[in-house]
Amino acid sequence: MTAFRFSRLCFWFAALCLLLSAPLAAQNRPAPLTNGSFTLLTSDSVRLHVRVAGRGTPCVFVHGGPGAGSYSFEKLGGHRLEDPLRLIYFDQRGSCRSSSPRRPNYSMARMVQDLEELRQHLGLERWVVMAHSFGATIATAYAAAHPQRVQGLVLLNAVLNPVASLDSTAQYGASLLPPAARPAPTLPAMQRVGMVMGALQQQKLAYQLQFSSDTLAARAGRLTQGGPATPNRDFATQVFSGQLPDYGRDYVPTTATITLPVLVIVGQDDHITGAGPRTFRFPKQQVVVLPGKHNSFLEQPVRFRQAVVSFVQQLPR
């Protein structure tokens, strides 16, 4: 082979390599933080549904459930914050509009990694992390693992001890039922919650667990009617099967290690959270107690917005 032909082959081989590598390089490049929906492909090939809306300080929302998805909060409370904040809504793996992993990897470490991969994909140095209910466990674990990436932590009706939450929910739910319909208190908490929920639904009292009135519950139902028709429930199934020990942990002790500013918003009559803010040990914690139950952003929308906006405006830049 002549030197000329060899050099031409080298040129075309190099060009082919550049063409093949270009899509991968583009995929790994941070995406600009612009409003709209997109799908994030995680490092283990799970597709996460993401939507960015609003303007201002970037704030990622970590939904509860487990597995509830971000759609309901977006419609019931998040939209009120999209002026001072740029909300980043995403559905966790195995939840709502996101896909499930090929192998059921729902460990807390993997959930934290998903959040960090989203931040990196958006090219953000830091962001505010906001979580509701069960999502507070993931948000707290993320803040503990990546404190330099969190400008502030906002916990709404936070569950940090899932076992205490189950027990409190079972006890309160049973108190709403006639004595004959209450499950035996010696049964496991998960079983008691299932029995209580079934009995409350039969008697059309289930709304009382989360809402102060049936009117509020009905309004929440109307506002979220446009959600996905067939939401993914794989993560919820895995958690409630008891196969994920990370979600049987008490994350309250972790709060003592998180030194960044934290806002805790709690409903005065919220019986789902279990361990309340008086047990939290965040060194820089602000607590706002609002009338209502487990959805303070819907029950007290004006005061909810005021509390969050005031907190974010005071965060160090």
Protein backbone atom coordinates (compact mmCIF):
# COMPACT_ATOMS: atom_id res chain seq x y z
CA MET A 1 0.00 0.00 0.00
CA THR A 2 1.42 3.38 -0.94
CA ALA A 3 1.99 6.10 1.63
CA PHE A 4 -0.65 8.23 -0.11
CA ARG A 5 -3.33 5.56 0.13
CA PHE A 6 -2.40 4.82 3.75
CA SER A 7 -2.70 8.51 4.68
CA ARG A 8 -6.12 8.73 2.99
CA LEU A 9 -7.33 5.68 4.95
CA CYS A 10 -6.13 7.25 8.19
CA PHE A 11 -7.99 10.46 7.31
CA TRP A 12 -11.28 8.69 6.61
CA PHE A 13 -10.92 6.50 9.73
CA ALA A 14 -10.36 9.59 11.87
CA ALA A 15 -13.36 11.31 10.27
CA LEU A 16 -15.55 8.25 10.93
CA CYS A 17 -14.49 8.21 14.58
CA LEU A 18 -15.41 11.87 14.93
CA LEU A 19 -18.83 11.28 13.39
CA LEU A 20 -19.54 8.32 15.65
CA SER A 21 -18.40 10.09 18.79
CA ALA A 22 -20.26 13.36 18.13
CA PRO A 23 -23.73 12.23 19.34
CA LEU A 24 -22.24 10.82 22.56
CA ALA A 25 -20.32 14.01 23.26
CA ALA A 26 -23.45 16.06 22.62
CA GLN A 27 -25.46 13.84 24.95
CA ASN A 28 -22.94 14.31 27.78
CA ARG A 29 -22.78 18.09 27.32
CA PRO A 30 -24.86 20.05 29.90
CA ALA A 31 -28.22 21.17 28.54
CA PRO A 32 -29.21 24.84 28.88
CA LEU A 33 -31.82 25.49 31.57
CA THR A 34 -34.77 26.36 29.36
CA ASN A 35 -38.46 25.87 30.03
CA GLY A 36 -40.14 22.79 28.60
CA SER A 37 -40.27 19.01 28.95
CA PHE A 38 -37.60 16.49 28.13
CA THR A 39 -36.44 12.98 28.99
CA LEU A 40 -33.22 12.43 30.91
CA LEU A 41 -31.45 9.13 30.25
CA THR A 42 -29.63 8.12 33.43
CA SER A 43 -26.27 6.38 33.50
CA ASP A 44 -28.07 3.04 33.96
CA SER A 45 -30.48 3.72 31.05
CA VAL A 46 -33.63 4.76 32.93
CA ARG A 47 -35.71 7.44 31.24
CA LEU A 48 -36.80 10.17 33.66
CA HIS A 49 -39.58 12.60 32.75
CA VAL A 50 -38.49 16.19 33.45
CA ARG A 51 -40.29 19.53 33.06
CA VAL A 52 -38.82 22.98 33.69
CA ALA A 53 -41.12 25.96 34.25
CA GLY A 54 -40.89 29.49 35.61
CA ARG A 55 -38.04 31.93 36.09
CA GLY A 56 -35.66 32.75 38.91
CA THR A 57 -33.67 30.61 41.31
CA PRO A 58 -33.43 26.98 40.10
CA CYS A 59 -35.38 24.65 42.39
CA VAL A 60 -35.80 20.90 41.89
CA PHE A 61 -38.94 19.28 43.30
CA VAL A 62 -38.70 15.80 44.82
CA HIS A 63 -42.16 14.24 44.95
CA GLY A 64 -43.52 11.88 47.57
CA GLY A 65 -45.84 8.93 47.41
CA PRO A 66 -43.72 6.93 47.17
CA GLY A 67 -44.11 6.95 43.39
CA ALA A 68 -46.72 9.73 43.17
CA GLY A 69 -44.95 11.72 40.46
CA SER A 70 -44.59 15.50 40.26
CA TYR A 71 -47.75 16.28 38.25
CA SER A 72 -50.09 16.82 41.20
CA PHE A 73 -47.76 19.22 43.02
CA GLU A 74 -47.16 21.13 39.79
CA LYS A 75 -50.91 21.73 39.44
CA LEU A 76 -51.77 22.17 43.13
CA GLY A 77 -48.89 24.24 44.45
CA GLY A 78 -45.79 24.44 42.29
CA HIS A 79 -47.32 26.80 39.74
CA ARG A 80 -47.62 29.44 42.47
CA LEU A 81 -43.83 29.51 42.84
CA GLU A 82 -42.89 29.71 39.17
CA ASP A 83 -42.33 33.46 39.31
CA PRO A 84 -39.58 33.68 41.96
CA LEU A 85 -38.33 30.16 41.20
CA ARG A 86 -37.55 28.11 38.13
CA LEU A 87 -39.16 24.79 39.07
CA ILE A 88 -37.59 21.57 37.86
CA TYR A 89 -40.24 18.87 38.15
CA PHE A 90 -39.22 15.26 37.58
CA ASP A 91 -40.73 11.85 38.15
CA GLN A 92 -38.48 9.45 40.03
CA ARG A 93 -37.52 6.14 38.45
CA GLY A 94 -40.39 3.67 38.46
CA SER A 95 -42.84 6.51 39.08
CA CYS A 96 -45.65 8.06 37.03
CA ARG A 97 -44.23 9.11 33.62
CA SER A 98 -40.69 7.76 34.11
CA SER A 99 -39.50 4.28 33.17
CA SER A 100 -38.32 1.48 35.45
CA PRO A 101 -34.79 0.09 35.65
CA ARG A 102 -34.16 -3.28 34.01
CA ARG A 103 -32.98 -4.53 37.38
CA PRO A 104 -35.00 -3.18 40.31
CA ASN A 105 -32.40 -0.71 41.58
CA TYR A 106 -34.30 1.68 43.82
CA SER A 107 -31.67 2.11 46.50
CA MET A 108 -31.38 5.49 48.19
CA ALA A 109 -27.88 5.86 46.74
CA ARG A 110 -29.31 5.41 43.23
CA MET A 111 -32.10 7.93 43.87
CA VAL A 112 -29.51 10.43 45.05
CA GLN A 113 -27.40 9.72 41.97
CA ASP A 114 -30.40 10.37 39.69
CA LEU A 115 -30.80 13.83 41.26
CA GLU A 116 -27.11 14.58 40.86
CA GLU A 117 -27.12 13.44 37.22
CA LEU A 118 -30.08 15.76 36.57
CA ARG A 119 -28.23 18.70 38.13
CA GLN A 120 -25.15 17.98 36.04
CA HIS A 121 -27.23 17.59 32.89
CA LEU A 122 -28.75 21.05 33.46
CA GLY A 123 -25.32 22.56 34.09
CA LEU A 124 -26.29 24.02 37.47
CA GLU A 125 -23.67 24.82 40.08
CA ARG A 126 -26.25 24.79 42.90
CA TRP A 127 -29.99 24.62 43.29
CA VAL A 128 -32.71 24.75 45.92
CA VAL A 129 -34.09 21.30 46.74
CA MET A 130 -37.79 21.14 47.64
CA ALA A 131 -39.57 17.94 48.68
CA HIS A 132 -43.02 16.86 49.80
CA SER A 133 -43.90 14.04 52.20
CA PHE A 134 -41.95 10.82 51.51
CA GLY A 135 -39.74 12.75 49.07
CA ALA A 136 -38.10 14.41 52.10
CA THR A 137 -36.14 11.20 52.76
CA ILE A 138 -34.55 11.42 49.29
CA ALA A 139 -33.99 15.19 49.51
CA THR A 140 -32.35 14.87 52.93
CA ALA A 141 -30.10 12.05 51.74
CA TYR A 142 -29.13 14.13 48.70
CA ALA A 143 -28.34 17.21 50.82
CA ALA A 144 -26.18 15.08 53.11
CA ALA A 145 -24.28 13.59 50.15
CA HIS A 146 -23.91 16.81 48.12
CA PRO A 147 -24.14 19.78 50.51
CA GLN A 148 -22.02 21.97 48.23
CA ARG A 149 -24.69 21.62 45.50
CA VAL A 150 -27.66 22.67 47.65
CA GLN A 151 -28.41 26.35 48.18
CA GLY A 152 -31.26 25.60 50.56
CA LEU A 153 -33.63 22.78 51.52
CA VAL A 154 -37.43 23.19 51.62
CA LEU A 155 -39.39 20.33 53.22
CA LEU A 156 -43.17 20.32 52.86
CA ASN A 157 -45.13 18.05 55.24
CA ALA A 158 -41.93 16.04 55.50
CA VAL A 159 -41.72 12.32 56.24
CA LEU A 160 -38.23 11.54 57.54
CA ASN A 161 -39.09 8.40 59.48
CA PRO A 162 -41.26 6.21 57.19
CA VAL A 163 -41.94 3.64 59.93
CA ALA A 164 -43.21 6.34 62.30
CA SER A 165 -45.29 7.75 59.45
CA LEU A 166 -46.98 4.40 58.81
CA ASP A 167 -47.74 3.97 62.51
CA SER A 168 -49.12 7.50 62.87
CA THR A 169 -51.25 7.12 59.72
CA ALA A 170 -52.66 3.81 60.94
CA GLN A 171 -53.50 5.23 64.37
CA TYR A 172 -55.14 8.38 63.07
CA GLY A 173 -57.00 6.57 60.31
CA ALA A 174 -58.34 4.04 62.82
CA SER A 175 -59.58 6.87 65.04
CA LEU A 176 -61.82 8.02 62.17
CA LEU A 177 -63.53 4.62 62.01
CA PRO A 178 -66.18 3.06 64.24
CA PRO A 179 -64.56 0.82 66.90
CA ALA A 180 -65.83 -2.34 65.19
CA ALA A 181 -64.04 -1.43 61.95
CA ARG A 182 -60.63 -0.72 63.49
CA PRO A 183 -57.83 -3.25 62.91
CA ALA A 184 -56.04 -4.79 65.85
CA PRO A 185 -53.23 -2.46 67.04
CA THR A 186 -50.88 -5.45 67.33
CA LEU A 187 -50.84 -6.04 63.56
CA PRO A 188 -47.80 -4.81 61.55
CA ALA A 189 -48.06 -1.12 60.61
CA MET A 190 -48.10 -1.82 56.86
CA GLN A 191 -51.00 -4.23 57.25
CA ARG A 192 -52.91 -1.86 59.54
CA VAL A 193 -52.53 1.01 57.05
CA GLY A 194 -53.89 -1.17 54.24
CA MET A 195 -56.89 -2.25 56.31
CA VAL A 196 -57.57 1.29 57.53
CA MET A 197 -57.38 2.70 54.00
CA GLY A 198 -59.80 0.09 52.72
CA ALA A 199 -62.29 0.77 55.50
CA LEU A 200 -62.03 4.56 55.08
CA GLN A 201 -62.64 4.27 51.34
CA GLN A 202 -65.72 2.14 51.93
CA GLN A 203 -67.12 4.78 54.23
CA LYS A 204 -65.98 7.65 51.94
CA LEU A 205 -63.74 9.07 54.66
CA ALA A 206 -60.32 8.51 53.07
CA TYR A 207 -59.97 12.20 52.20
CA GLN A 208 -59.69 13.01 55.92
CA LEU A 209 -56.20 11.53 56.04
CA GLN A 210 -54.76 14.29 53.83
CA PHE A 211 -57.34 17.08 53.54
CA SER A 212 -59.30 19.19 56.00
CA SER A 213 -62.51 18.92 53.97
CA ASP A 214 -64.08 16.90 51.18
CA THR A 215 -64.31 20.15 49.19
CA LEU A 216 -60.52 20.47 49.14
CA ALA A 217 -60.14 16.81 48.23
CA ALA A 218 -62.60 17.23 45.34
CA ARG A 219 -60.79 20.34 44.15
CA ALA A 220 -57.47 18.49 44.16
CA GLY A 221 -59.07 15.72 42.14
CA ARG A 222 -60.39 18.15 39.53
CA LEU A 223 -57.09 20.00 39.16
CA THR A 224 -55.12 16.79 38.61
CA GLN A 225 -57.51 15.09 36.18
CA GLY A 226 -55.15 15.71 33.25
CA GLY A 227 -52.44 13.48 34.68
CA PRO A 228 -51.12 10.31 33.00
CA ALA A 229 -53.81 7.69 32.40
CA THR A 230 -51.53 4.75 33.20
CA PRO A 231 -48.87 5.96 35.66
CA ASN A 232 -45.90 3.74 36.42
CA ARG A 233 -46.24 2.38 39.98
CA ASP A 234 -43.21 0.12 40.10
CA PHE A 235 -41.32 2.12 42.73
CA ALA A 236 -44.36 2.27 45.02
CA THR A 237 -44.90 -1.47 44.64
CA GLN A 238 -41.28 -2.15 45.56
CA VAL A 239 -41.40 0.09 48.63
CA PHE A 240 -44.68 -1.27 49.99
CA SER A 241 -43.56 -4.85 49.41
CA GLY A 242 -40.96 -4.26 52.11
CA GLN A 243 -38.10 -5.26 49.81
CA LEU A 244 -36.25 -1.93 50.04
CA PRO A 245 -34.61 -1.60 53.47
CA ASP A 246 -33.40 1.95 52.72
CA TYR A 247 -36.97 3.19 53.13
CA GLY A 248 -37.44 1.58 56.52
CA ARG A 249 -34.67 3.75 57.93
CA ASP A 250 -35.08 6.74 60.22
CA TYR A 251 -33.50 9.75 58.49
CA VAL A 252 -34.07 12.13 61.42
CA PRO A 253 -30.52 11.58 62.81
CA THR A 254 -29.11 12.64 59.41
CA THR A 255 -30.62 16.10 59.90
CA ALA A 256 -27.93 16.96 62.47
CA THR A 257 -25.24 16.72 59.77
CA ILE A 258 -26.89 19.15 57.31
CA THR A 259 -25.68 22.68 58.05
CA LEU A 260 -27.28 24.51 55.12
CA PRO A 261 -30.47 26.60 55.55
CA VAL A 262 -33.66 24.51 55.86
CA LEU A 263 -37.31 25.56 55.75
CA VAL A 264 -39.81 23.09 57.20
CA ILE A 265 -43.50 23.70 56.44
CA VAL A 266 -45.93 21.53 58.38
CA GLY A 267 -49.70 21.23 58.67
CA GLN A 268 -51.06 21.84 62.14
CA ASP A 269 -53.27 18.74 61.95
CA ASP A 270 -51.01 16.58 59.77
CA HIS A 271 -51.08 13.03 61.16
CA ILE A 272 -49.21 11.39 58.26
CA THR A 273 -45.70 12.72 58.81
CA GLY A 274 -45.04 10.79 62.01
CA ALA A 275 -41.83 12.31 63.38
CA GLY A 276 -42.42 16.08 63.35
CA PRO A 277 -40.08 19.08 63.09
CA ARG A 278 -39.58 19.14 66.84
CA THR A 279 -37.54 15.97 66.44
CA PHE A 280 -35.49 17.32 63.49
CA ARG A 281 -31.97 18.55 64.27
CA PHE A 282 -31.09 20.76 61.33
CA PRO A 283 -28.73 23.43 62.78
CA LYS A 284 -30.25 26.16 60.54
CA GLN A 285 -33.92 25.21 60.59
CA GLN A 286 -36.92 27.50 60.17
CA VAL A 287 -40.34 26.00 60.93
CA VAL A 288 -43.64 27.36 59.61
CA VAL A 289 -46.82 25.75 60.94
CA LEU A 290 -49.92 26.27 58.79
CA PRO A 291 -53.56 25.31 59.46
CA GLY A 292 -54.55 22.12 57.66
CA LYS A 293 -53.28 18.62 57.08
CA HIS A 294 -50.86 16.98 54.64
CA ASN A 295 -51.04 19.34 51.64
CA SER A 296 -50.21 22.77 53.03
CA PHE A 297 -49.51 24.18 49.56
CA LEU A 298 -53.16 23.58 48.62
CA GLU A 299 -54.83 24.33 51.95
CA GLN A 300 -52.92 27.58 52.63
CA PRO A 301 -51.68 28.71 49.20
CA VAL A 302 -50.99 32.37 50.07
CA ARG A 303 -49.10 31.67 53.29
CA PHE A 304 -47.29 28.76 51.66
CA ARG A 305 -46.01 30.98 48.87
CA GLN A 306 -45.04 33.75 51.29
CA ALA A 307 -43.01 31.34 53.43
CA VAL A 308 -41.13 29.83 50.50
CA VAL A 309 -40.43 33.14 48.72
CA SER A 310 -39.21 34.80 51.92
CA PHE A 311 -36.90 31.86 52.65
CA VAL A 312 -35.42 31.74 49.14
CA GLN A 313 -34.83 35.52 49.08
CA GLN A 314 -32.75 35.24 52.25
CA LEU A 315 -30.52 32.42 50.97
CA PRO A 316 -26.84 33.26 50.47
CA ARG A 317 -26.00 33.65 46.78
